């Protein structure tokens, strides 16, 4: 697979997300990450699909593979933590995101 294939999978996955077909988007993003395991975009996309399916632990497991300074990843992590009931930790992560936006 090459970058054109990755782009195609990403577009297809996001079309499924926009139409509420979260399970199908999850399959697409799992495939994308299988072929591009260290790609930040693939990891964030898969994490977001898990988030939309309320699979918060899976979303957190995936997003924790990324750098702690990745702004979109922080938002996904904050939502996953909130969904797991870790409200205080979720707020800390969200505050980190907001602080990074200021600088």
N, C-alpha and C. Protein backbone atom coordinates (compact mmCIF):
# COMPACT_ATOMS: atom_id res chain seq x y z
N UNK A 1 0.85 -1.18 0.00
CA UNK A 1 0.00 0.00 0.00
C UNK A 1 0.89 1.24 0.00
N UNK A 2 0.40 2.28 -0.64
CA UNK A 2 1.14 3.53 -0.66
C UNK A 2 0.27 4.66 -0.10
N UNK A 3 0.79 5.88 -0.16
CA UNK A 3 0.07 7.02 0.41
C UNK A 3 -1.26 7.29 -0.27
N UNK A 4 -1.37 6.98 -1.56
CA UNK A 4 -2.65 7.16 -2.25
C UNK A 4 -3.71 6.22 -1.67
N UNK A 5 -3.30 5.00 -1.36
CA UNK A 5 -4.22 4.06 -0.74
C UNK A 5 -4.63 4.54 0.65
N UNK A 6 -3.65 5.05 1.39
CA UNK A 6 -3.95 5.56 2.73
C UNK A 6 -4.94 6.71 2.65
N UNK A 7 -4.74 7.62 1.71
CA UNK A 7 -5.65 8.75 1.54
C UNK A 7 -7.06 8.26 1.19
N UNK A 8 -7.14 7.27 0.30
CA UNK A 8 -8.45 6.72 -0.07
C UNK A 8 -9.15 6.13 1.15
N UNK A 9 -8.43 5.34 1.94
CA UNK A 9 -9.03 4.75 3.13
C UNK A 9 -9.48 5.82 4.11
N UNK A 10 -8.67 6.86 4.28
CA UNK A 10 -9.04 7.94 5.20
C UNK A 10 -10.32 8.63 4.74
N UNK A 11 -10.41 8.93 3.46
CA UNK A 11 -11.61 9.60 2.93
C UNK A 11 -12.84 8.71 3.11
N UNK A 12 -12.70 7.44 2.76
CA UNK A 12 -13.83 6.51 2.91
C UNK A 12 -14.25 6.40 4.37
N UNK A 13 -13.28 6.29 5.26
CA UNK A 13 -13.59 6.21 6.69
C UNK A 13 -14.32 7.43 7.19
N UNK A 14 -13.90 8.61 6.76
CA UNK A 14 -14.56 9.84 7.20
C UNK A 14 -15.95 10.00 6.59
N UNK A 15 -16.15 9.50 5.38
CA UNK A 15 -17.50 9.51 4.80
C UNK A 15 -18.42 8.64 5.66
N UNK A 16 -17.93 7.47 6.04
CA UNK A 16 -18.73 6.62 6.91
C UNK A 16 -19.02 7.31 8.24
N UNK A 17 -18.03 7.97 8.82
CA UNK A 17 -18.24 8.69 10.08
C UNK A 17 -19.32 9.75 9.93
N UNK A 18 -19.24 10.53 8.85
CA UNK A 18 -20.20 11.62 8.64
C UNK A 18 -21.62 11.11 8.46
N UNK A 19 -21.76 9.87 8.02
CA UNK A 19 -23.08 9.31 7.82
C UNK A 19 -23.52 8.40 8.97
N UNK A 20 -22.78 8.44 10.05
CA UNK A 20 -23.16 7.68 11.24
C UNK A 20 -22.90 6.19 11.13
N UNK A 21 -22.10 5.79 10.17
CA UNK A 21 -21.77 4.37 9.99
C UNK A 21 -20.46 4.08 10.71
N UNK A 22 -20.52 4.16 12.03
CA UNK A 22 -19.32 4.10 12.85
C UNK A 22 -18.62 2.75 12.80
N UNK A 23 -19.39 1.67 12.75
CA UNK A 23 -18.78 0.34 12.69
C UNK A 23 -18.00 0.16 11.39
N UNK A 24 -18.56 0.64 10.29
CA UNK A 24 -17.86 0.54 9.00
C UNK A 24 -16.60 1.41 9.01
N UNK A 25 -16.70 2.60 9.61
CA UNK A 25 -15.51 3.46 9.68
C UNK A 25 -14.43 2.79 10.53
N UNK A 26 -14.84 2.10 11.58
CA UNK A 26 -13.88 1.40 12.43
C UNK A 26 -13.11 0.34 11.62
N UNK A 27 -13.81 -0.39 10.80
CA UNK A 27 -13.16 -1.41 9.97
C UNK A 27 -12.16 -0.77 9.02
N UNK A 28 -12.56 0.33 8.41
CA UNK A 28 -11.67 1.03 7.47
C UNK A 28 -10.43 1.53 8.21
N UNK A 29 -10.63 2.16 9.36
CA UNK A 29 -9.48 2.71 10.08
C UNK A 29 -8.59 1.63 10.69
N UNK A 30 -9.16 0.49 11.06
CA UNK A 30 -8.33 -0.63 11.51
C UNK A 30 -7.45 -1.12 10.36
N UNK A 31 -8.04 -1.17 9.18
CA UNK A 31 -7.27 -1.58 8.00
C UNK A 31 -6.16 -0.58 7.71
N UNK A 32 -6.50 0.70 7.81
CA UNK A 32 -5.51 1.75 7.55
C UNK A 32 -4.35 1.64 8.54
N UNK A 33 -4.67 1.43 9.80
CA UNK A 33 -3.60 1.34 10.79
C UNK A 33 -2.80 0.05 10.64
N UNK A 34 -3.43 -1.00 10.17
CA UNK A 34 -2.72 -2.27 9.93
C UNK A 34 -1.59 -2.06 8.92
N UNK A 35 -1.87 -1.31 7.87
CA UNK A 35 -0.87 -1.08 6.84
C UNK A 35 0.07 0.09 7.15
N UNK A 36 -0.37 1.00 8.02
CA UNK A 36 0.43 2.16 8.40
C UNK A 36 0.44 2.28 9.92
N UNK A 37 1.07 1.33 10.61
CA UNK A 37 0.95 1.24 12.07
C UNK A 37 1.53 2.41 12.85
N UNK A 38 2.47 3.13 12.29
CA UNK A 38 3.08 4.25 13.03
C UNK A 38 2.61 5.60 12.54
N UNK A 39 1.62 5.62 11.69
CA UNK A 39 1.10 6.86 11.13
C UNK A 39 0.16 7.53 12.12
N UNK A 40 0.48 8.75 12.51
CA UNK A 40 -0.32 9.46 13.51
C UNK A 40 -1.76 9.66 13.05
N UNK A 41 -1.93 9.96 11.77
CA UNK A 41 -3.28 10.16 11.25
C UNK A 41 -4.11 8.88 11.36
N UNK A 42 -3.50 7.76 11.05
CA UNK A 42 -4.20 6.47 11.15
C UNK A 42 -4.59 6.17 12.60
N UNK A 43 -3.69 6.46 13.51
CA UNK A 43 -3.96 6.21 14.93
C UNK A 43 -5.08 7.11 15.43
N UNK A 44 -5.02 8.39 15.08
CA UNK A 44 -6.08 9.32 15.52
C UNK A 44 -7.42 8.95 14.92
N UNK A 45 -7.42 8.54 13.67
CA UNK A 45 -8.68 8.16 13.01
C UNK A 45 -9.30 6.94 13.68
N UNK A 46 -8.48 5.94 13.96
CA UNK A 46 -8.98 4.75 14.63
C UNK A 46 -9.49 5.09 16.03
N UNK A 47 -8.76 5.90 16.74
CA UNK A 47 -9.18 6.31 18.09
C UNK A 47 -10.51 7.04 18.05
N UNK A 48 -10.67 7.92 17.06
CA UNK A 48 -11.91 8.68 16.94
C UNK A 48 -13.08 7.75 16.63
N UNK A 49 -12.86 6.77 15.76
CA UNK A 49 -13.93 5.82 15.46
C UNK A 49 -14.35 5.05 16.72
N UNK A 50 -13.37 4.62 17.51
CA UNK A 50 -13.70 3.97 18.78
C UNK A 50 -14.50 4.91 19.68
N UNK A 51 -14.09 6.15 19.71
CA UNK A 51 -14.78 7.15 20.53
C UNK A 51 -16.24 7.27 20.12
N UNK A 52 -16.49 7.31 18.82
CA UNK A 52 -17.85 7.44 18.32
C UNK A 52 -18.71 6.21 18.63
N UNK A 53 -18.06 5.09 18.85
CA UNK A 53 -18.77 3.85 19.23
C UNK A 53 -18.84 3.67 20.74
N UNK A 54 -18.42 4.71 21.48
CA UNK A 54 -18.39 4.67 22.95
C UNK A 54 -17.49 3.58 23.48
N UNK A 55 -16.50 3.19 22.71
CA UNK A 55 -15.49 2.23 23.15
C UNK A 55 -14.30 3.03 23.68
N UNK A 56 -14.50 3.62 24.84
CA UNK A 56 -13.56 4.59 25.38
C UNK A 56 -12.20 3.99 25.71
N UNK A 57 -12.18 2.79 26.25
CA UNK A 57 -10.89 2.18 26.59
C UNK A 57 -10.07 1.91 25.33
N UNK A 58 -10.71 1.42 24.27
CA UNK A 58 -10.01 1.19 23.02
C UNK A 58 -9.49 2.51 22.43
N UNK A 59 -10.31 3.54 22.51
CA UNK A 59 -9.89 4.86 22.02
C UNK A 59 -8.66 5.33 22.78
N UNK A 60 -8.68 5.17 24.09
CA UNK A 60 -7.57 5.59 24.93
C UNK A 60 -6.31 4.77 24.66
N UNK A 61 -6.47 3.48 24.50
CA UNK A 61 -5.33 2.61 24.21
C UNK A 61 -4.64 3.03 22.92
N UNK A 62 -5.42 3.33 21.90
CA UNK A 62 -4.84 3.75 20.62
C UNK A 62 -4.20 5.13 20.72
N UNK A 63 -4.89 6.07 21.30
CA UNK A 63 -4.40 7.46 21.31
C UNK A 63 -3.15 7.60 22.17
N UNK A 64 -2.99 6.72 23.15
CA UNK A 64 -1.80 6.78 23.99
C UNK A 64 -0.53 6.37 23.24
N UNK A 65 -0.67 5.88 22.02
CA UNK A 65 0.49 5.55 21.19
C UNK A 65 1.15 6.81 20.62
N UNK A 66 0.45 7.94 20.72
CA UNK A 66 0.95 9.18 20.12
C UNK A 66 1.68 10.06 21.12
N UNK A 67 2.38 11.01 20.58
CA UNK A 67 3.10 12.00 21.36
C UNK A 67 2.12 12.81 22.20
N UNK A 68 2.49 13.09 23.41
CA UNK A 68 1.60 13.83 24.31
C UNK A 68 1.44 15.30 23.92
N UNK A 69 2.14 15.73 22.88
CA UNK A 69 2.04 17.12 22.44
C UNK A 69 1.23 17.26 21.16
N UNK A 70 0.53 16.23 20.77
CA UNK A 70 -0.32 16.24 19.59
C UNK A 70 -1.70 16.78 20.01
N UNK A 71 -2.01 17.99 19.54
CA UNK A 71 -3.24 18.66 20.01
C UNK A 71 -4.52 17.87 19.74
N UNK A 72 -4.77 17.43 18.50
CA UNK A 72 -6.01 16.66 18.29
C UNK A 72 -6.05 15.38 19.14
N UNK A 73 -4.91 14.76 19.35
CA UNK A 73 -4.87 13.55 20.18
C UNK A 73 -5.27 13.86 21.62
N UNK A 74 -4.91 15.03 22.10
CA UNK A 74 -5.29 15.42 23.45
C UNK A 74 -6.80 15.54 23.60
N UNK A 75 -7.46 16.06 22.56
CA UNK A 75 -8.92 16.17 22.62
C UNK A 75 -9.58 14.79 22.65
N UNK A 76 -9.08 13.89 21.82
CA UNK A 76 -9.62 12.54 21.81
C UNK A 76 -9.38 11.87 23.16
N UNK A 77 -8.18 12.05 23.68
CA UNK A 77 -7.85 11.45 24.98
C UNK A 77 -8.74 12.00 26.08
N UNK A 78 -8.97 13.30 26.07
CA UNK A 78 -9.82 13.91 27.08
C UNK A 78 -11.24 13.35 27.03
N UNK A 79 -11.78 13.20 25.82
CA UNK A 79 -13.13 12.65 25.68
C UNK A 79 -13.19 11.19 26.11
N UNK A 80 -12.16 10.42 25.78
CA UNK A 80 -12.12 9.02 26.17
C UNK A 80 -12.06 8.89 27.70
N UNK A 81 -11.22 9.70 28.32
CA UNK A 81 -11.13 9.68 29.78
C UNK A 81 -12.46 10.06 30.42
N UNK A 82 -13.11 11.07 29.86
CA UNK A 82 -14.41 11.50 30.37
C UNK A 82 -15.41 10.34 30.27
N UNK A 83 -15.42 9.68 29.12
CA UNK A 83 -16.32 8.56 28.91
C UNK A 83 -16.09 7.41 29.87
N UNK A 84 -14.83 7.27 30.30
CA UNK A 84 -14.49 6.22 31.27
C UNK A 84 -14.77 6.65 32.71
N UNK A 85 -15.20 7.89 32.88
CA UNK A 85 -15.50 8.39 34.21
C UNK A 85 -14.32 9.00 34.93
N UNK A 86 -13.21 9.16 34.24
CA UNK A 86 -12.01 9.78 34.83
C UNK A 86 -12.07 11.29 34.59
N UNK A 87 -13.03 11.92 35.25
CA UNK A 87 -13.34 13.33 35.00
C UNK A 87 -12.16 14.24 35.32
N UNK A 88 -11.52 14.05 36.45
CA UNK A 88 -10.41 14.92 36.83
C UNK A 88 -9.25 14.81 35.83
N UNK A 89 -8.91 13.59 35.46
CA UNK A 89 -7.82 13.40 34.50
C UNK A 89 -8.21 13.98 33.13
N UNK A 90 -9.47 13.83 32.77
CA UNK A 90 -9.95 14.39 31.51
C UNK A 90 -9.79 15.90 31.50
N UNK A 91 -10.11 16.53 32.60
CA UNK A 91 -9.98 18.00 32.70
C UNK A 91 -8.51 18.43 32.61
N UNK A 92 -7.63 17.67 33.21
CA UNK A 92 -6.20 17.99 33.15
C UNK A 92 -5.70 17.91 31.70
N UNK A 93 -6.10 16.87 31.00
CA UNK A 93 -5.69 16.71 29.60
C UNK A 93 -6.27 17.84 28.76
N UNK A 94 -7.53 18.18 29.00
CA UNK A 94 -8.15 19.29 28.26
C UNK A 94 -7.44 20.60 28.55
N UNK A 95 -7.05 20.82 29.80
CA UNK A 95 -6.33 22.04 30.15
C UNK A 95 -4.96 22.09 29.46
N UNK A 96 -4.33 20.95 29.35
CA UNK A 96 -3.05 20.88 28.62
C UNK A 96 -3.25 21.29 27.18
N UNK A 97 -4.32 20.79 26.57
CA UNK A 97 -4.65 21.17 25.19
C UNK A 97 -4.86 22.68 25.09
N UNK A 98 -5.65 23.24 26.02
CA UNK A 98 -5.92 24.69 25.97
C UNK A 98 -4.64 25.50 26.17
N UNK A 99 -3.79 25.06 27.06
CA UNK A 99 -2.51 25.76 27.28
C UNK A 99 -1.63 25.71 26.03
N UNK A 100 -1.64 24.57 25.36
CA UNK A 100 -0.84 24.44 24.12
C UNK A 100 -1.38 25.35 23.03
N UNK A 101 -2.66 25.56 22.99
CA UNK A 101 -3.25 26.45 21.98
C UNK A 101 -2.82 27.89 22.18
N UNK A 102 -2.60 28.28 23.43
CA UNK A 102 -2.21 29.66 23.75
C UNK A 102 -0.79 29.95 23.30
N UNK A 103 0.07 28.93 23.35
CA UNK A 103 1.48 29.17 23.04
C UNK A 103 1.82 28.95 21.59
